[in-house]
N, C-alpha and C. Protein backbone atom coordinates (compact mmCIF):
# COMPACT_ATOMS: atom_id res chain seq x y z
N MET A 1 52.81 0.61 -28.80
CA MET A 1 51.75 1.47 -29.24
C MET A 1 50.40 1.11 -28.61
N PHE A 2 50.14 -0.14 -28.47
CA PHE A 2 48.85 -0.52 -27.88
C PHE A 2 49.08 -1.56 -26.80
N ARG A 3 48.07 -1.69 -25.95
CA ARG A 3 48.16 -2.66 -24.85
C ARG A 3 46.97 -3.61 -24.92
N ILE A 4 47.20 -4.79 -24.52
CA ILE A 4 46.13 -5.77 -24.45
C ILE A 4 45.67 -5.85 -23.00
N ALA A 5 44.41 -5.65 -22.81
CA ALA A 5 43.86 -5.68 -21.44
C ALA A 5 43.53 -7.12 -21.08
N LEU A 6 44.04 -7.56 -19.97
CA LEU A 6 43.74 -8.89 -19.48
C LEU A 6 42.90 -8.74 -18.21
N PRO A 7 41.59 -8.89 -18.34
CA PRO A 7 40.71 -8.58 -17.22
C PRO A 7 40.87 -9.51 -16.02
N HIS A 8 41.39 -10.73 -16.21
CA HIS A 8 41.51 -11.64 -15.07
C HIS A 8 42.68 -11.25 -14.16
N PHE A 9 43.55 -10.33 -14.61
CA PHE A 9 44.62 -9.86 -13.76
C PHE A 9 44.26 -8.58 -12.99
N VAL A 10 43.12 -7.97 -13.34
CA VAL A 10 42.73 -6.72 -12.71
C VAL A 10 42.25 -7.00 -11.29
N GLN A 11 42.79 -6.26 -10.34
CA GLN A 11 42.35 -6.38 -8.96
C GLN A 11 41.84 -5.03 -8.51
N PHE A 12 40.82 -5.05 -7.66
CA PHE A 12 40.23 -3.82 -7.18
C PHE A 12 40.90 -3.42 -5.89
N SER A 13 41.25 -2.17 -5.78
CA SER A 13 41.90 -1.66 -4.58
C SER A 13 40.85 -1.17 -3.59
N ALA A 14 41.31 -0.84 -2.39
CA ALA A 14 40.41 -0.29 -1.38
C ALA A 14 39.86 1.05 -1.84
N GLY A 15 40.63 1.79 -2.59
CA GLY A 15 40.17 3.08 -3.10
C GLY A 15 38.99 2.93 -4.04
N THR A 16 39.00 1.87 -4.85
CA THR A 16 37.89 1.61 -5.75
C THR A 16 36.61 1.35 -4.96
N HIS A 17 36.72 0.57 -3.91
CA HIS A 17 35.55 0.27 -3.09
C HIS A 17 35.06 1.52 -2.37
N ARG A 18 35.98 2.37 -1.90
CA ARG A 18 35.57 3.63 -1.26
C ARG A 18 34.87 4.53 -2.26
N ALA A 19 35.39 4.61 -3.48
CA ALA A 19 34.77 5.45 -4.50
C ALA A 19 33.38 4.94 -4.84
N ALA A 20 33.22 3.63 -4.90
CA ALA A 20 31.89 3.07 -5.17
C ALA A 20 30.92 3.42 -4.05
N GLY A 21 31.40 3.41 -2.81
CA GLY A 21 30.55 3.78 -1.68
C GLY A 21 30.15 5.25 -1.74
N VAL A 22 31.08 6.11 -2.12
CA VAL A 22 30.78 7.54 -2.23
C VAL A 22 29.77 7.79 -3.32
N ILE A 23 29.91 7.11 -4.44
CA ILE A 23 28.97 7.26 -5.55
C ILE A 23 27.58 6.80 -5.13
N ALA A 24 27.49 5.69 -4.41
CA ALA A 24 26.19 5.19 -3.95
C ALA A 24 25.56 6.18 -2.98
N LYS A 25 26.37 6.75 -2.08
CA LYS A 25 25.83 7.75 -1.14
C LYS A 25 25.37 8.99 -1.87
N ALA A 26 26.07 9.40 -2.91
CA ALA A 26 25.67 10.58 -3.67
C ALA A 26 24.32 10.35 -4.34
N GLY A 27 24.08 9.14 -4.82
CA GLY A 27 22.78 8.83 -5.39
C GLY A 27 21.68 8.89 -4.36
N ALA A 28 21.98 8.42 -3.14
CA ALA A 28 20.98 8.48 -2.07
C ALA A 28 20.70 9.92 -1.68
N VAL A 29 21.74 10.76 -1.64
CA VAL A 29 21.54 12.17 -1.31
C VAL A 29 20.71 12.85 -2.38
N ARG A 30 20.96 12.50 -3.64
CA ARG A 30 20.19 13.09 -4.73
C ARG A 30 18.72 12.75 -4.58
N ASN A 31 18.41 11.48 -4.26
CA ASN A 31 17.02 11.08 -4.06
C ASN A 31 16.40 11.82 -2.88
N ALA A 32 17.18 12.03 -1.82
CA ALA A 32 16.68 12.76 -0.67
C ALA A 32 16.40 14.21 -1.04
N ASP A 33 17.28 14.82 -1.85
CA ASP A 33 17.05 16.20 -2.27
C ASP A 33 15.81 16.31 -3.13
N GLU A 34 15.59 15.34 -4.02
CA GLU A 34 14.38 15.34 -4.83
C GLU A 34 13.15 15.22 -3.95
N SER A 35 13.24 14.41 -2.92
CA SER A 35 12.13 14.24 -2.01
C SER A 35 11.83 15.54 -1.27
N LYS A 36 12.87 16.25 -0.83
CA LYS A 36 12.67 17.53 -0.14
C LYS A 36 12.06 18.56 -1.07
N THR A 37 12.47 18.58 -2.32
CA THR A 37 11.90 19.51 -3.28
C THR A 37 10.43 19.22 -3.50
N LEU A 38 10.11 17.95 -3.66
CA LEU A 38 8.72 17.56 -3.83
C LEU A 38 7.90 17.90 -2.60
N ALA A 39 8.47 17.71 -1.42
CA ALA A 39 7.77 18.06 -0.18
C ALA A 39 7.51 19.55 -0.12
N GLY A 40 8.47 20.34 -0.51
CA GLY A 40 8.29 21.79 -0.51
C GLY A 40 7.20 22.23 -1.47
N MET A 41 7.17 21.63 -2.65
CA MET A 41 6.14 21.98 -3.62
C MET A 41 4.76 21.56 -3.12
N LEU A 42 4.67 20.38 -2.53
CA LEU A 42 3.39 19.92 -2.00
C LEU A 42 2.94 20.79 -0.84
N LEU A 43 3.86 21.19 0.00
CA LEU A 43 3.54 22.08 1.12
C LEU A 43 3.05 23.42 0.61
N ALA A 44 3.69 23.95 -0.41
CA ALA A 44 3.27 25.24 -0.98
C ALA A 44 1.86 25.14 -1.57
N ALA A 45 1.56 24.03 -2.24
CA ALA A 45 0.23 23.85 -2.82
C ALA A 45 -0.84 23.73 -1.73
N ALA A 46 -0.55 22.95 -0.70
CA ALA A 46 -1.52 22.80 0.39
C ALA A 46 -1.70 24.11 1.13
N LEU A 47 -0.63 24.84 1.32
CA LEU A 47 -0.70 26.12 2.01
C LEU A 47 -1.48 27.14 1.19
N ALA A 48 -1.28 27.14 -0.12
CA ALA A 48 -2.02 28.06 -0.98
C ALA A 48 -3.52 27.77 -0.92
N ALA A 49 -3.88 26.49 -0.97
CA ALA A 49 -5.31 26.14 -0.88
C ALA A 49 -5.88 26.55 0.48
N LEU A 50 -5.12 26.32 1.53
CA LEU A 50 -5.57 26.69 2.87
C LEU A 50 -5.71 28.20 3.00
N LEU A 51 -4.80 28.95 2.41
CA LEU A 51 -4.89 30.41 2.46
C LEU A 51 -6.10 30.94 1.70
N VAL A 52 -6.42 30.34 0.59
CA VAL A 52 -7.61 30.77 -0.16
C VAL A 52 -8.86 30.56 0.68
N VAL A 53 -8.96 29.40 1.31
CA VAL A 53 -10.12 29.12 2.17
C VAL A 53 -10.15 30.07 3.36
N ALA A 54 -8.99 30.30 3.99
CA ALA A 54 -8.94 31.20 5.13
C ALA A 54 -9.28 32.63 4.71
N ASP A 55 -8.82 33.05 3.56
CA ASP A 55 -9.14 34.38 3.06
C ASP A 55 -10.63 34.54 2.83
N GLN A 56 -11.25 33.53 2.26
CA GLN A 56 -12.70 33.58 2.03
C GLN A 56 -13.45 33.69 3.36
N LEU A 57 -13.05 32.90 4.36
CA LEU A 57 -13.71 32.93 5.66
C LEU A 57 -13.50 34.27 6.36
N ILE A 58 -12.28 34.78 6.31
CA ILE A 58 -11.97 36.05 6.97
C ILE A 58 -12.70 37.20 6.28
N GLU A 59 -12.81 37.14 4.97
CA GLU A 59 -13.50 38.19 4.23
C GLU A 59 -14.97 38.28 4.61
N MET A 60 -15.56 37.13 4.95
CA MET A 60 -16.98 37.12 5.32
C MET A 60 -17.22 37.82 6.66
N TRP A 61 -16.34 37.62 7.63
CA TRP A 61 -16.63 38.17 8.95
C TRP A 61 -15.77 39.35 9.35
N ALA A 62 -14.88 39.80 8.48
CA ALA A 62 -13.99 40.91 8.83
C ALA A 62 -14.46 42.22 8.22
N ASP A 63 -15.71 42.59 8.38
CA ASP A 63 -16.26 43.82 7.81
C ASP A 63 -15.55 45.03 8.39
N GLY A 64 -14.53 45.52 7.70
CA GLY A 64 -13.82 46.70 8.14
C GLY A 64 -12.68 46.42 9.09
N HIS A 65 -12.50 45.23 9.56
CA HIS A 65 -11.42 44.89 10.48
C HIS A 65 -10.28 44.24 9.69
N LEU A 66 -9.70 45.02 8.81
CA LEU A 66 -8.69 44.49 7.89
C LEU A 66 -7.44 44.01 8.62
N LEU A 67 -6.99 44.74 9.62
CA LEU A 67 -5.79 44.33 10.36
C LEU A 67 -6.03 43.01 11.08
N LEU A 68 -7.18 42.88 11.70
CA LEU A 68 -7.52 41.63 12.39
C LEU A 68 -7.58 40.46 11.41
N GLY A 69 -8.11 40.74 10.24
CA GLY A 69 -8.18 39.71 9.20
C GLY A 69 -6.80 39.25 8.76
N TRP A 70 -5.87 40.21 8.54
CA TRP A 70 -4.52 39.84 8.13
C TRP A 70 -3.78 39.08 9.22
N VAL A 71 -3.99 39.48 10.46
CA VAL A 71 -3.34 38.76 11.57
C VAL A 71 -3.86 37.32 11.62
N ALA A 72 -5.17 37.16 11.46
CA ALA A 72 -5.74 35.81 11.48
C ALA A 72 -5.23 34.98 10.29
N LEU A 73 -5.14 35.60 9.12
CA LEU A 73 -4.66 34.89 7.93
C LEU A 73 -3.21 34.43 8.10
N TRP A 74 -2.35 35.30 8.64
CA TRP A 74 -0.96 34.90 8.84
C TRP A 74 -0.81 33.89 9.98
N THR A 75 -1.68 33.96 10.96
CA THR A 75 -1.67 32.94 12.02
C THR A 75 -1.99 31.57 11.43
N VAL A 76 -2.99 31.54 10.57
CA VAL A 76 -3.34 30.28 9.90
C VAL A 76 -2.17 29.81 9.03
N THR A 77 -1.51 30.74 8.35
CA THR A 77 -0.39 30.38 7.48
C THR A 77 0.75 29.73 8.26
N PHE A 78 1.19 30.37 9.35
CA PHE A 78 2.31 29.83 10.10
C PHE A 78 1.94 28.55 10.84
N ALA A 79 0.69 28.45 11.29
CA ALA A 79 0.26 27.20 11.93
C ALA A 79 0.26 26.06 10.92
N ALA A 80 -0.19 26.35 9.70
CA ALA A 80 -0.20 25.32 8.67
C ALA A 80 1.23 24.89 8.32
N LEU A 81 2.15 25.85 8.23
CA LEU A 81 3.55 25.51 7.96
C LEU A 81 4.11 24.61 9.05
N ALA A 82 3.81 24.93 10.28
CA ALA A 82 4.35 24.14 11.40
C ALA A 82 3.74 22.75 11.46
N LEU A 83 2.46 22.64 11.16
CA LEU A 83 1.77 21.36 11.31
C LEU A 83 1.88 20.45 10.09
N LEU A 84 1.94 21.04 8.91
CA LEU A 84 1.88 20.22 7.69
C LEU A 84 3.25 19.82 7.14
N ALA A 85 4.32 20.50 7.51
CA ALA A 85 5.63 20.23 6.91
C ALA A 85 6.12 18.80 7.17
N PRO A 86 6.16 18.30 8.42
CA PRO A 86 6.68 16.94 8.62
C PRO A 86 5.86 15.84 7.94
N PRO A 87 4.53 15.84 8.03
CA PRO A 87 3.78 14.77 7.34
C PRO A 87 3.93 14.82 5.82
N LEU A 88 3.96 16.03 5.26
CA LEU A 88 4.11 16.13 3.81
C LEU A 88 5.50 15.70 3.36
N ARG A 89 6.52 15.98 4.17
CA ARG A 89 7.88 15.52 3.82
C ARG A 89 7.94 14.00 3.83
N GLN A 90 7.29 13.39 4.83
CA GLN A 90 7.28 11.93 4.92
C GLN A 90 6.50 11.33 3.75
N LEU A 91 5.36 11.93 3.42
CA LEU A 91 4.55 11.45 2.30
C LEU A 91 5.32 11.53 0.99
N THR A 92 5.99 12.65 0.75
CA THR A 92 6.72 12.78 -0.50
C THR A 92 7.93 11.85 -0.55
N SER A 93 8.53 11.58 0.59
CA SER A 93 9.63 10.62 0.61
C SER A 93 9.15 9.24 0.20
N VAL A 94 8.00 8.84 0.72
CA VAL A 94 7.43 7.54 0.36
C VAL A 94 7.06 7.52 -1.12
N LEU A 95 6.44 8.61 -1.60
CA LEU A 95 6.05 8.67 -3.00
C LEU A 95 7.27 8.66 -3.93
N ALA A 96 8.32 9.39 -3.55
CA ALA A 96 9.53 9.42 -4.38
C ALA A 96 10.18 8.05 -4.47
N SER A 97 10.22 7.33 -3.34
CA SER A 97 10.83 5.99 -3.38
C SER A 97 9.96 5.03 -4.19
N ALA A 98 8.63 5.18 -4.11
CA ALA A 98 7.75 4.31 -4.90
C ALA A 98 7.92 4.59 -6.40
N VAL A 99 8.02 5.85 -6.77
CA VAL A 99 8.21 6.20 -8.18
C VAL A 99 9.57 5.70 -8.67
N THR A 100 10.59 5.84 -7.85
CA THR A 100 11.93 5.35 -8.23
C THR A 100 11.92 3.84 -8.42
N ARG A 101 11.27 3.12 -7.48
CA ARG A 101 11.18 1.66 -7.59
C ARG A 101 10.43 1.26 -8.85
N TRP A 102 9.30 1.94 -9.12
CA TRP A 102 8.51 1.63 -10.32
C TRP A 102 9.33 1.90 -11.58
N SER A 103 10.07 3.01 -11.59
CA SER A 103 10.89 3.36 -12.75
C SER A 103 11.98 2.31 -12.99
N ASN A 104 12.63 1.86 -11.92
CA ASN A 104 13.67 0.83 -12.06
C ASN A 104 13.09 -0.48 -12.55
N GLU A 105 11.91 -0.85 -12.04
CA GLU A 105 11.27 -2.09 -12.50
C GLU A 105 10.88 -1.99 -13.97
N ALA A 106 10.38 -0.84 -14.39
CA ALA A 106 10.01 -0.65 -15.79
C ALA A 106 11.25 -0.72 -16.69
N LYS A 107 12.35 -0.15 -16.22
CA LYS A 107 13.60 -0.18 -16.98
C LYS A 107 14.09 -1.62 -17.14
N GLU A 108 14.05 -2.39 -16.04
CA GLU A 108 14.47 -3.80 -16.11
C GLU A 108 13.56 -4.59 -17.04
N ARG A 109 12.25 -4.31 -16.99
CA ARG A 109 11.31 -5.00 -17.88
C ARG A 109 11.64 -4.71 -19.35
N ARG A 110 11.91 -3.44 -19.67
CA ARG A 110 12.24 -3.08 -21.05
C ARG A 110 13.53 -3.77 -21.50
N ILE A 111 14.52 -3.82 -20.62
CA ILE A 111 15.79 -4.48 -20.96
C ILE A 111 15.56 -5.96 -21.22
N GLU A 112 14.77 -6.60 -20.36
CA GLU A 112 14.49 -8.03 -20.56
C GLU A 112 13.70 -8.28 -21.84
N GLU A 113 12.76 -7.39 -22.17
CA GLU A 113 12.00 -7.55 -23.41
C GLU A 113 12.92 -7.42 -24.63
N LYS A 114 13.84 -6.45 -24.58
CA LYS A 114 14.78 -6.29 -25.70
C LYS A 114 15.68 -7.52 -25.82
N MET A 115 16.13 -8.04 -24.67
CA MET A 115 17.00 -9.22 -24.69
C MET A 115 16.24 -10.42 -25.25
N TRP A 116 14.99 -10.59 -24.84
CA TRP A 116 14.20 -11.72 -25.32
C TRP A 116 13.94 -11.60 -26.82
N GLU A 117 13.69 -10.37 -27.28
CA GLU A 117 13.49 -10.15 -28.72
C GLU A 117 14.76 -10.49 -29.49
N TYR A 118 15.90 -10.06 -28.94
CA TYR A 118 17.17 -10.36 -29.58
C TYR A 118 17.44 -11.86 -29.56
N ALA A 119 17.11 -12.51 -28.44
CA ALA A 119 17.33 -13.95 -28.32
C ALA A 119 16.44 -14.73 -29.28
N SER A 120 15.25 -14.21 -29.54
CA SER A 120 14.37 -14.93 -30.46
C SER A 120 14.89 -14.87 -31.90
N GLN A 121 15.76 -13.91 -32.20
CA GLN A 121 16.33 -13.80 -33.54
C GLN A 121 17.70 -14.46 -33.67
N ASP A 122 18.38 -14.68 -32.54
CA ASP A 122 19.72 -15.26 -32.57
C ASP A 122 19.71 -16.56 -31.75
N TYR A 123 19.89 -17.69 -32.42
CA TYR A 123 19.79 -19.00 -31.75
C TYR A 123 20.88 -19.19 -30.70
N ARG A 124 22.04 -18.53 -30.87
CA ARG A 124 23.12 -18.70 -29.90
C ARG A 124 22.76 -18.06 -28.55
N VAL A 125 22.15 -16.90 -28.61
CA VAL A 125 21.74 -16.22 -27.38
C VAL A 125 20.64 -17.03 -26.70
N MET A 126 19.70 -17.55 -27.50
CA MET A 126 18.61 -18.35 -26.93
C MET A 126 19.18 -19.61 -26.27
N ALA A 127 20.16 -20.23 -26.89
CA ALA A 127 20.77 -21.43 -26.29
C ALA A 127 21.47 -21.07 -24.98
N GLU A 128 22.10 -19.93 -24.95
CA GLU A 128 22.77 -19.51 -23.72
C GLU A 128 21.76 -19.24 -22.60
N ILE A 129 20.65 -18.62 -22.94
CA ILE A 129 19.59 -18.37 -21.95
C ILE A 129 19.02 -19.69 -21.44
N GLN A 130 18.81 -20.64 -22.34
CA GLN A 130 18.28 -21.93 -21.93
C GLN A 130 19.26 -22.68 -21.02
N GLN A 131 20.55 -22.57 -21.32
CA GLN A 131 21.55 -23.20 -20.46
C GLN A 131 21.57 -22.56 -19.07
N ALA A 132 21.46 -21.24 -19.04
CA ALA A 132 21.45 -20.53 -17.76
C ALA A 132 20.22 -20.93 -16.95
N ALA A 133 19.08 -21.08 -17.61
CA ALA A 133 17.86 -21.48 -16.92
C ALA A 133 17.98 -22.91 -16.40
N ALA A 134 18.61 -23.78 -17.18
CA ALA A 134 18.80 -25.17 -16.73
C ALA A 134 19.75 -25.22 -15.53
N ARG A 135 20.80 -24.40 -15.54
CA ARG A 135 21.73 -24.36 -14.40
C ARG A 135 21.04 -23.82 -13.15
N SER A 136 20.16 -22.85 -13.30
CA SER A 136 19.50 -22.26 -12.11
C SER A 136 18.48 -23.22 -11.52
N GLN A 137 17.97 -24.15 -12.31
CA GLN A 137 17.00 -25.13 -11.78
C GLN A 137 17.70 -26.24 -11.01
N ASP A 138 18.95 -26.47 -11.30
CA ASP A 138 19.68 -27.56 -10.60
C ASP A 138 20.07 -27.20 -9.22
């Protein structure tokens, strides 16, 4: 009816290692997708601000030359897309990795604080932590 698991007999197969590699790559792809999304949003915001400025400038000097104004506005739009996309993608990639690193560090800090709080209430856990610290100093 039931089985007793003996973990010291468990061996990992090559398939397990391949699956772990695929999972790690999927996480990296997810971070890359988030970075691309952030880059797109940042590009759209910068482009919108640039278009507002270009529209204001064109409106001042395009007295009755509406077609010329629209051509100039779209020229500015496509030039901005071509020039700003790569730097903004790189910037958002750096920002996304920094936020991910900060989030992981905060998570580890919270886990360590919870463990230390638990250890301060349970003498056995505290003794185990002290033994581990003594072993790491040797």
